[in-house]
C-alpha atoms as a PDB file:
ATOM      1  CA  MET A   1      -0.165  -0.012   0.125  1.00  0.00           C
ATOM      2  CA  LYS A   2       1.528   3.212  -0.835  1.00  0.00           C
ATOM      3  CA  THR A   3       2.402   5.992   1.576  1.00  0.00           C
ATOM      4  CA  THR A   4      -0.073   9.137   1.037  1.00  0.00           C
ATOM      5  CA  ASP A   5       1.707  12.556   1.240  1.00  0.00           C
ATOM      6  CA  ASN A   6      -0.415  13.021   4.382  1.00  0.00           C
ATOM      7  CA  GLU A   7       0.914  10.191   6.302  1.00  0.00           C
ATOM      8  CA  LYS A   8       4.605  10.913   5.282  1.00  0.00           C
ATOM      9  CA  PHE A   9       3.861  14.980   6.884  1.00  0.00           C
ATOM     10  CA  GLU A  10       2.080  13.303   9.870  1.00  0.00           C
ATOM     11  CA  ASN A  11       5.228  10.840  10.064  1.00  0.00           C
ATOM     12  CA  PHE A  12       7.868  13.855   9.474  1.00  0.00           C
ATOM     13  CA  ILE A  13       6.183  15.579  12.672  1.00  0.00           C
ATOM     14  CA  PHE A  14       6.212  12.767  14.572  1.00  0.00           C
ATOM     15  CA  HIS A  15      10.045  12.513  14.383  1.00  0.00           C
ATOM     16  CA  LEU A  16      10.859  16.117  14.285  1.00  0.00           C
ATOM     17  CA  ASP A  17      11.598  16.956  17.570  1.00  0.00           C
ATOM     18  CA  GLU A  18      13.987  13.746  17.584  1.00  0.00           C
ATOM     19  CA  ILE A  19      15.898  14.585  14.580  1.00  0.00           C
ATOM     20  CA  VAL A  20      16.153  18.169  15.839  1.00  0.00           C
ATOM     21  CA  GLN A  21      17.692  17.152  19.449  1.00  0.00           C
ATOM     22  CA  ASN A  22      20.128  14.680  17.790  1.00  0.00           C
ATOM     23  CA  PHE A  23      21.436  17.198  15.406  1.00  0.00           C
ATOM     24  CA  ILE A  24      21.696  19.782  17.690  1.00  0.00           C
ATOM     25  CA  LYS A  25      23.490  17.601  20.220  1.00  0.00           C
ATOM     26  CA  ARG A  26      25.910  16.300  17.107  1.00  0.00           C
ATOM     27  CA  ILE A  27      26.763  20.013  15.902  1.00  0.00           C
ATOM     28  CA  ASN A  28      27.466  21.318  19.690  1.00  0.00           C
ATOM     29  CA  SER A  29      29.462  18.447  20.103  1.00  0.00           C
ATOM     30  CA  LYS A  30      31.945  19.882  17.439  1.00  0.00           C
ATOM     31  CA  GLY A  31      31.637  23.422  18.402  1.00  0.00           C
ATOM     32  CA  TYR A  32      28.942  25.255  16.944  1.00  0.00           C
ATOM     33  CA  ASP A  33      26.956  25.751  19.843  1.00  0.00           C
ATOM     34  CA  ILE A  34      23.679  26.254  18.332  1.00  0.00           C
ATOM     35  CA  ASP A  35      19.973  26.217  20.429  1.00  0.00           C
ATOM     36  CA  PHE A  36      16.606  27.999  18.802  1.00  0.00           C
ATOM     37  CA  GLU A  37      18.242  32.014  19.476  1.00  0.00           C
ATOM     38  CA  LYS A  38      18.493  34.208  16.779  1.00  0.00           C
ATOM     39  CA  ASN A  39      22.487  34.388  16.867  1.00  0.00           C
ATOM     40  CA  SER A  40      21.968  30.186  15.699  1.00  0.00           C
ATOM     41  CA  ILE A  41      21.173  31.216  11.943  1.00  0.00           C
ATOM     42  CA  GLU A  42      24.706  32.311  11.857  1.00  0.00           C
ATOM     43  CA  LYS A  43      26.172  29.511  13.590  1.00  0.00           C
ATOM     44  CA  PHE A  44      24.209  27.018  11.547  1.00  0.00           C
ATOM     45  CA  GLU A  45      25.277  28.637   8.197  1.00  0.00           C
ATOM     46  CA  LYS A  46      28.811  28.398   9.051  1.00  0.00           C
ATOM     47  CA  TYR A  47      28.485  24.653  10.250  1.00  0.00           C
ATOM     48  CA  ILE A  48      27.092  24.166   6.468  1.00  0.00           C
ATOM     49  CA  LEU A  49      29.842  25.747   4.801  1.00  0.00           C
ATOM     50  CA  GLU A  50      32.625  24.377   6.855  1.00  0.00           C
ATOM     51  CA  ASN A  51      31.801  20.841   6.748  1.00  0.00           C
ATOM     52  CA  ASN A  52      30.550  20.964   3.041  1.00  0.00           C
ATOM     53  CA  ILE A  53      27.399  19.725   3.515  1.00  0.00           C
ATOM     54  CA  LYS A  54      25.818  18.281   0.013  1.00  0.00           C
ATOM     55  CA  VAL A  55      21.867  17.768  -0.591  1.00  0.00           C
ATOM     56  CA  GLU A  56      22.278  13.842  -0.492  1.00  0.00           C
ATOM     57  CA  ASP A  57      23.871  14.140   3.466  1.00  0.00           C
ATOM     58  CA  ASN A  58      22.091  12.805   6.196  1.00  0.00           C
ATOM     59  CA  ASP A  59      22.904  17.009   8.053  1.00  0.00           C
ATOM     60  CA  TYR A  60      20.738  18.219   5.059  1.00  0.00           C
ATOM     61  CA  TYR A  61      17.201  16.653   5.985  1.00  0.00           C
ATOM     62  CA  ASP A  62      18.198  16.817   9.565  1.00  0.00           C
ATOM     63  CA  GLY A  63      19.480  20.382   9.264  1.00  0.00           C
ATOM     64  CA  ALA A  64      16.681  21.061   7.125  1.00  0.00           C
ATOM     65  CA  CYS A  65      14.610  20.154  10.029  1.00  0.00           C
ATOM     66  CA  TYR A  66      16.713  22.188  12.480  1.00  0.00           C
ATOM     67  CA  LEU A  67      16.589  25.228  10.242  1.00  0.00           C
ATOM     68  CA  GLY A  68      12.614  24.989  10.342  1.00  0.00           C
ATOM     69  CA  GLU A  69      12.393  24.798  14.063  1.00  0.00           C
ATOM     70  CA  LEU A  70      14.874  27.615  14.750  1.00  0.00           C
ATOM     71  CA  PHE A  71      12.760  29.727  12.378  1.00  0.00           C
ATOM     72  CA  ARG A  72       9.549  28.861  14.149  1.00  0.00           C
ATOM     73  CA  HIS A  73      11.153  30.202  17.577  1.00  0.00           C
ATOM     74  CA  ILE A  74      12.248  32.917  16.370  1.00  0.00           C
ATOM     75  CA  TYR A  75       9.213  34.130  14.031  1.00  0.00           C
ATOM     76  CA  GLY A  76       6.435  31.723  14.979  1.00  0.00           C
ATOM     77  CA  GLY A  77       4.142  29.565  13.034  1.00  0.00           C
ATOM     78  CA  ASN A  78       3.587  25.693  12.445  1.00  0.00           C
ATOM     79  CA  TRP A  79       4.582  23.145  10.356  1.00  0.00           C
ATOM     80  CA  ILE A  80       1.815  22.688   7.470  1.00  0.00           C
ATOM     81  CA  LEU A  81       2.025  20.474   4.189  1.00  0.00           C
ATOM     82  CA  ASP A  82       1.674  22.977   1.577  1.00  0.00           C
ATOM     83  CA  THR A  83      -1.582  21.691  -0.553  1.00  0.00           C
ATOM     84  CA  ASN A  84      -1.493  24.666  -2.522  1.00  0.00           C
ATOM     85  CA  LYS A  85      -1.356  22.884  -6.152  1.00  0.00           C
ATOM     86  CA  LYS A  86       0.202  25.810  -7.660  1.00  0.00           C
ATOM     87  CA  SER A  87       3.064  26.508  -5.313  1.00  0.00           C
ATOM     88  CA  ILE A  88       6.393  25.458  -5.706  1.00  0.00           C
ATOM     89  CA  PHE A  89       6.424  23.706  -2.286  1.00  0.00           C
ATOM     90  CA  PHE A  90       3.287  21.727  -3.243  1.00  0.00           C
ATOM     91  CA  ASN A  91       2.889  18.790  -1.019  1.00  0.00           C
ATOM     92  CA  LYS A  92       6.282  19.801   1.054  1.00  0.00           C
ATOM     93  CA  PRO A  93       6.324  20.473   4.718  1.00  0.00           C
ATOM     94  CA  VAL A  94       7.068  24.105   5.126  1.00  0.00           C
ATOM     95  CA  ILE A  95       6.468  26.954   8.276  1.00  0.00           C
ATOM     96  CA  ASP A  96       3.249  28.638   7.787  1.00  0.00           C
ATOM     97  CA  TYR A  97       4.380  31.966  10.258  1.00  0.00           C
ATOM     98  CA  GLY A  98       1.208  34.239   9.316  1.00  0.00           C
ATOM     99  CA  SER A  99       2.737  36.517   6.730  1.00  0.00           C
ATOM    100  CA  GLU A 100       0.475  39.084   5.352  1.00  0.00           C
ATOM    101  CA  SER A 101       1.230  38.292   2.187  1.00  0.00           C
ATOM    102  CA  GLY A 102       0.570  34.500   2.675  1.00  0.00           C
ATOM    103  CA  VAL A 103       4.572  33.513   2.081  1.00  0.00           C
ATOM    104  CA  LEU A 104       5.208  30.647   3.469  1.00  0.00           C
ATOM    105  CA  PHE A 105       9.161  29.166   4.540  1.00  0.00           C
ATOM    106  CA  SER A 106      10.903  26.348   3.260  1.00  0.00           C
ATOM    107  CA  SER A 107      13.708  25.376   5.451  1.00  0.00           C
ATOM    108  CA  PHE A 108      14.665  22.625   3.080  1.00  0.00           C
ATOM    109  CA  ASN A 109      14.960  25.184  -0.199  1.00  0.00           C
ATOM    110  CA  ALA A 110      16.052  27.519   2.102  1.00  0.00           C
ATOM    111  CA  LEU A 111      18.857  24.917   3.007  1.00  0.00           C
ATOM    112  CA  ARG A 112      19.878  24.196  -0.344  1.00  0.00           C
ATOM    113  CA  ALA A 113      19.851  27.689  -1.326  1.00  0.00           C
ATOM    114  CA  ILE A 114      22.937  27.965   1.058  1.00  0.00           C
ATOM    115  CA  ILE A 115      24.897  24.914  -0.367  1.00  0.00           C
ATOM    116  CA  ILE A 116      24.419  26.163  -4.051  1.00  0.00           C
ATOM    117  CA  LYS A 117      25.616  29.519  -3.137  1.00  0.00           C
ATOM    118  CA  GLN A 118      28.443  28.742  -0.528  1.00  0.00           C
ATOM    119  CA  GLN A 119      28.699  32.360   0.367  1.00  0.00           C
ATOM    120  CA  SER A 120      28.186  33.409   4.421  1.00  0.00           C
ATOM    121  CA  GLY A 121      25.117  35.555   4.661  1.00  0.00           C
ATOM    122  CA  THR A 122      23.167  33.768   2.335  1.00  0.00           C
ATOM    123  CA  LEU A 123      20.592  32.806   4.984  1.00  0.00           C
ATOM    124  CA  GLU A 124      20.005  35.910   6.912  1.00  0.00           C
ATOM    125  CA  LYS A 125      19.074  37.275   3.149  1.00  0.00           C
ATOM    126  CA  ILE A 126      16.699  34.724   2.479  1.00  0.00           C
ATOM    127  CA  ILE A 127      14.926  34.232   5.969  1.00  0.00           C
ATOM    128  CA  GLU A 128      15.111  38.899   5.324  1.00  0.00           C
ATOM    129  CA  SER A 129      13.187  38.231   2.255  1.00  0.00           C
ATOM    130  CA  ASN A 130      10.801  35.849   3.723  1.00  0.00           C
ATOM    131  CA  THR A 131      10.191  37.966   6.827  1.00  0.00           C
ATOM    132  CA  ASN A 132      10.279  41.241   5.309  1.00  0.00           C
ATOM    133  CA  PRO A 133       9.078  40.798   1.594  1.00  0.00           C
ATOM    134  CA  LYS A 134       9.425  44.574   0.734  1.00  0.00           C
ATOM    135  CA  LYS A 135      13.281  44.162   1.062  1.00  0.00           C
ATOM    136  CA  ILE A 136      13.511  41.567  -0.831  1.00  0.00           C
ATOM    137  CA  ASP A 137      17.304  41.368  -2.762  1.00  0.00           C
ATOM    138  CA  ILE A 138      17.233  38.978  -5.487  1.00  0.00           C
ATOM    139  CA  ASN A 139      20.743  39.308  -6.506  1.00  0.00           C
ATOM    140  CA  PHE A 140      21.995  37.838  -3.283  1.00  0.00           C
ATOM    141  CA  LYS A 141      25.508  39.914  -3.547  1.00  0.00           C
END
């Protein structure tokens, strides 16, 4: 029997806390000292860049889970399964943080952008463009 997207999402939510706590312990044991405070954004990005994390690595999935929870702790919101068929995040877990413009935050896409860009400050720009869409910098320079 094929697993539905809703079942996959429920499984994701069920295991989220354990994944995030294990990721935090693993990263902190390497000296990065991350938690759920805003200054962890830079530390998290530094870990990703210094350790050459790839999308294929376990740290990609675990890191995206952590990043989503970090975002939620700072900006609020809840994980949802995006059911908008016109959305680039369709059937993916995202954070709905109640933005006036309806913007959703995808920690998986944000982490992928950091990996592709390989430049410090990328995550801060992504978060800024999500939380303050009037100041979007599409050039990421």
